[in-house]
């Protein structure tokens, strides 16, 4: 039974890595078992509110580095494993089809934060929120976003939705339709990770965005 299980894990690992075969080591086995436990833990993590909003600040380079906004980042405060970065759970979410749930969850978190700033009379701090192309192309995406935003009080232009890098074959028409509807609604849009992976000049022509975020690899040598 152990030999069959080891062969199974090796086959899965090879498939994920795009390899013809894989030698299944003890390290790979442990990693697979840990992933299985995390997969189980994910089922109740949303209800237990274990995913937290962290902000990576935007600064105005023309105004002595004044903080003007922040990008919403997801962190998992796991009850047993502690603080987990996205690299430790996002791939599992992608395989389990949980990315749309995460996108909407973090959108609500970002809106709640903007409303708190509004109550404190802070009206010039904006937040950008990553949205995967899988979520962005859903027929109901624009309407669901509007329903969420309408529950909070803040200036809509302070919310920026970032269209993340994605694989070819996504529904570009669906994304374009939702993007146009949300811009008309008053939300701003950004194209994330430009120049990395499959993000290309096609996206610039295809989608009505307000901002372009260059991938780090394009400016490392500037």
Protein backbone atom coordinates (compact mmCIF):
# COMPACT_ATOMS: atom_id res chain seq x y z
CA UNK A 1 0.00 0.00 0.00
CA UNK A 2 2.85 2.39 0.84
CA UNK A 3 4.49 1.71 -2.52
CA UNK A 4 1.23 2.49 -4.35
CA UNK A 5 0.76 5.70 -2.36
CA UNK A 6 4.37 6.75 -2.98
CA UNK A 7 3.95 6.13 -6.71
CA UNK A 8 0.72 8.17 -6.68
CA UNK A 9 2.38 11.14 -4.96
CA UNK A 10 5.35 10.93 -7.32
CA UNK A 11 3.03 10.94 -10.35
CA UNK A 12 1.13 13.99 -9.07
CA UNK A 13 4.36 15.86 -8.31
CA UNK A 14 5.77 15.10 -11.75
CA UNK A 15 2.55 16.27 -13.42
CA UNK A 16 2.50 19.55 -11.47
CA UNK A 17 6.15 20.22 -12.33
CA UNK A 18 5.71 19.35 -15.99
CA UNK A 19 8.16 16.47 -15.71
CA UNK A 20 8.00 12.92 -17.13
CA UNK A 21 8.73 11.31 -13.77
CA UNK A 22 9.70 12.15 -10.20
CA UNK A 23 11.61 10.30 -7.50
CA UNK A 24 9.27 10.51 -4.50
CA UNK A 25 11.46 11.39 -1.52
CA UNK A 26 10.49 11.62 2.14
CA UNK A 27 10.48 15.42 1.77
CA UNK A 28 7.96 15.23 -1.09
CA UNK A 29 5.78 12.85 0.92
CA UNK A 30 5.79 15.16 3.94
CA UNK A 31 4.95 18.13 1.73
CA UNK A 32 2.04 16.26 0.16
CA UNK A 33 0.64 15.21 3.55
CA UNK A 34 0.99 18.76 4.90
CA UNK A 35 -0.82 20.09 1.84
CA UNK A 36 -3.64 17.62 2.48
CA UNK A 37 -3.99 18.91 6.04
CA UNK A 38 -4.00 22.53 4.86
CA UNK A 39 -6.67 21.60 2.31
CA UNK A 40 -8.85 20.37 5.17
CA UNK A 41 -8.10 23.45 7.27
CA UNK A 42 -9.17 25.73 4.42
CA UNK A 43 -12.75 24.50 4.63
CA UNK A 44 -13.49 26.44 7.80
CA UNK A 45 -10.86 29.18 7.57
CA UNK A 46 -13.24 31.70 5.98
CA UNK A 47 -15.93 31.18 8.64
CA UNK A 48 -13.34 31.47 11.39
CA UNK A 49 -12.04 34.71 9.80
CA UNK A 50 -8.46 33.46 9.79
CA UNK A 51 -7.53 35.36 6.62
CA UNK A 52 -6.26 38.84 7.40
CA UNK A 53 -5.86 42.04 5.40
CA UNK A 54 -2.35 43.51 5.28
CA UNK A 55 -1.43 46.66 3.38
CA UNK A 56 1.67 47.31 1.30
CA UNK A 57 1.88 51.08 1.00
CA UNK A 58 1.98 53.18 -2.14
CA UNK A 59 4.03 56.36 -1.82
CA UNK A 60 4.08 59.52 -3.90
CA UNK A 61 7.61 59.75 -5.31
CA UNK A 62 7.05 63.44 -6.15
CA UNK A 63 6.06 64.39 -2.60
CA UNK A 64 8.88 63.24 -0.31
CA UNK A 65 7.50 59.70 -0.06
CA UNK A 66 4.08 60.60 1.35
CA UNK A 67 1.89 57.50 1.82
CA UNK A 68 -1.14 57.79 -0.48
CA UNK A 69 -2.62 54.29 -0.50
CA UNK A 70 -2.04 50.59 -0.10
CA UNK A 71 -2.34 47.27 -1.86
CA UNK A 72 -4.49 44.71 -0.05
CA UNK A 73 -2.49 41.56 0.67
CA UNK A 74 -3.82 38.28 2.07
CA UNK A 75 -2.21 36.53 5.02
CA UNK A 76 -3.47 33.40 6.78
CA UNK A 77 -3.26 33.42 10.56
CA UNK A 78 -3.38 29.66 10.94
CA UNK A 79 -4.37 28.51 14.45
CA UNK A 80 -1.58 25.92 14.58
CA UNK A 81 0.99 26.91 11.97
CA UNK A 82 0.92 30.61 12.64
CA UNK A 83 1.45 33.29 10.01
CA UNK A 84 1.31 31.88 6.45
CA UNK A 85 2.25 33.74 3.26
CA UNK A 86 0.17 33.34 0.05
CA UNK A 87 2.78 31.02 -1.48
CA UNK A 88 1.84 28.51 1.22
CA UNK A 89 -1.89 28.35 0.46
CA UNK A 90 -2.83 30.11 -2.81
CA UNK A 91 -1.68 27.18 -5.02
CA UNK A 92 -3.91 24.87 -2.97
CA UNK A 93 -6.82 27.29 -3.33
CA UNK A 94 -6.29 27.38 -7.10
CA UNK A 95 -6.47 23.59 -7.29
CA UNK A 96 -9.56 23.52 -5.06
CA UNK A 97 -11.39 26.26 -6.96
CA UNK A 98 -11.46 28.61 -3.93
CA UNK A 99 -9.87 31.67 -5.53
CA UNK A 100 -13.20 33.45 -6.29
CA UNK A 101 -14.24 33.00 -2.66
CA UNK A 102 -10.95 34.54 -1.55
CA UNK A 103 -11.29 37.43 -4.02
CA UNK A 104 -14.73 38.42 -2.72
CA UNK A 105 -13.66 37.91 0.90
CA UNK A 106 -10.71 40.29 0.52
CA UNK A 107 -12.83 42.78 -1.43
CA UNK A 108 -15.15 43.00 1.57
CA UNK A 109 -12.15 43.46 3.86
CA UNK A 110 -10.83 46.29 1.69
CA UNK A 111 -14.25 47.99 1.58
CA UNK A 112 -14.60 47.72 5.35
CA UNK A 113 -11.19 49.37 5.80
CA UNK A 114 -12.10 52.20 3.41
CA UNK A 115 -15.31 52.80 5.33
CA UNK A 116 -13.37 53.06 8.59
CA UNK A 117 -11.10 55.64 6.98
CA UNK A 118 -14.19 57.51 5.77
CA UNK A 119 -15.57 57.62 9.33
CA UNK A 120 -12.22 59.05 10.46
CA UNK A 121 -12.47 61.78 7.77
CA UNK A 122 -9.57 60.33 5.75
CA UNK A 123 -10.73 60.78 2.16
CA UNK A 124 -7.53 60.57 0.10
CA UNK A 125 -6.21 57.08 0.92
CA UNK A 126 -6.96 54.46 -1.73
CA UNK A 127 -6.74 50.66 -1.69
CA UNK A 128 -6.05 48.31 -4.59
CA UNK A 129 -7.42 44.80 -4.38
CA UNK A 130 -6.20 41.85 -6.48
CA UNK A 131 -8.85 40.01 -8.50
CA UNK A 132 -7.97 36.87 -10.43
CA UNK A 133 -9.01 36.54 -14.05
CA UNK A 134 -11.04 33.46 -13.11
CA UNK A 135 -13.20 35.70 -10.91
CA UNK A 136 -13.11 38.73 -13.19
CA UNK A 137 -14.56 36.81 -16.14
CA UNK A 138 -17.59 35.51 -14.21
CA UNK A 139 -20.83 36.82 -15.78
CA UNK A 140 -22.04 38.05 -12.38
CA UNK A 141 -18.75 39.61 -11.26
CA UNK A 142 -19.62 43.28 -11.87
CA UNK A 143 -23.00 42.97 -10.16
CA UNK A 144 -21.56 41.11 -7.17
CA UNK A 145 -18.90 43.80 -6.78
CA UNK A 146 -21.55 46.52 -6.84
CA UNK A 147 -23.61 44.67 -4.23
CA UNK A 148 -20.59 44.45 -1.93
CA UNK A 149 -19.50 48.08 -2.40
CA UNK A 150 -23.03 49.41 -1.84
CA UNK A 151 -22.98 48.02 1.71
CA UNK A 152 -20.17 50.41 2.67
CA UNK A 153 -19.71 54.17 2.73
CA UNK A 154 -16.66 55.58 0.95
CA UNK A 155 -15.83 57.31 -2.32
CA UNK A 156 -15.85 54.62 -5.01
CA UNK A 157 -12.80 56.01 -6.80
CA UNK A 158 -10.73 55.08 -3.73
CA UNK A 159 -11.17 51.40 -4.61
CA UNK A 160 -8.91 50.00 -7.35
CA UNK A 161 -9.44 46.48 -8.68
CA UNK A 162 -6.25 44.88 -9.98
CA UNK A 163 -6.62 42.38 -12.82
CA UNK A 164 -3.91 39.85 -12.07
CA UNK A 165 -1.75 37.95 -14.51
CA UNK A 166 -3.43 34.83 -15.86
CA UNK A 167 -3.23 31.95 -18.27
CA UNK A 168 -4.25 32.21 -21.92
CA UNK A 169 -7.77 31.11 -22.77
CA UNK A 170 -9.60 33.29 -20.30
CA UNK A 171 -12.84 34.91 -21.40
CA UNK A 172 -11.52 38.27 -22.59
CA UNK A 173 -15.01 39.41 -23.61
CA UNK A 174 -16.37 38.70 -20.13
CA UNK A 175 -13.46 40.54 -18.51
CA UNK A 176 -13.86 43.52 -20.84
CA UNK A 177 -17.60 43.70 -20.18
CA UNK A 178 -17.16 43.59 -16.41
CA UNK A 179 -14.29 46.10 -16.51
CA UNK A 180 -16.38 48.58 -18.50
CA UNK A 181 -19.35 48.19 -16.15
CA UNK A 182 -17.24 48.74 -13.03
CA UNK A 183 -15.44 51.79 -14.45
CA UNK A 184 -18.80 53.30 -15.30
CA UNK A 185 -19.89 52.54 -11.73
CA UNK A 186 -16.95 54.61 -10.44
CA UNK A 187 -14.40 51.99 -9.41
CA UNK A 188 -10.89 52.29 -10.86
CA UNK A 189 -9.04 49.43 -12.54
CA UNK A 190 -5.37 48.45 -12.81
CA UNK A 191 -3.50 45.88 -14.87
CA UNK A 192 -1.16 44.00 -12.53
CA UNK A 193 2.19 42.28 -13.22
CA UNK A 194 2.56 43.79 -16.69
CA UNK A 195 5.47 42.21 -18.54
CA UNK A 196 5.43 38.98 -16.51
CA UNK A 197 4.02 35.65 -17.60
CA UNK A 198 1.14 35.98 -20.04
CA UNK A 199 0.33 39.66 -19.43
CA UNK A 200 1.02 41.51 -22.68
CA UNK A 201 0.25 44.55 -24.82
CA UNK A 202 -2.89 42.68 -25.88
CA UNK A 203 -4.27 43.36 -22.41
CA UNK A 204 -3.60 47.09 -22.78
CA UNK A 205 -5.66 47.17 -25.95
CA UNK A 206 -8.34 44.79 -24.71
CA UNK A 207 -9.25 46.10 -21.24
CA UNK A 208 -10.21 49.66 -20.18
CA UNK A 209 -7.80 50.13 -17.26
CA UNK A 210 -6.72 53.29 -15.41
CA UNK A 211 -3.32 52.12 -14.15
CA UNK A 212 -0.50 49.86 -15.26
CA UNK A 213 1.67 48.10 -12.68
CA UNK A 214 5.01 47.05 -14.14
CA UNK A 215 6.39 43.72 -13.04
CA UNK A 216 9.52 44.02 -10.90
CA UNK A 217 11.57 42.13 -13.49
CA UNK A 218 11.17 45.07 -15.92
CA UNK A 219 12.74 47.63 -13.59
CA UNK A 220 15.33 45.60 -11.67
CA UNK A 221 18.12 46.86 -13.92
CA UNK A 222 17.03 50.49 -14.24
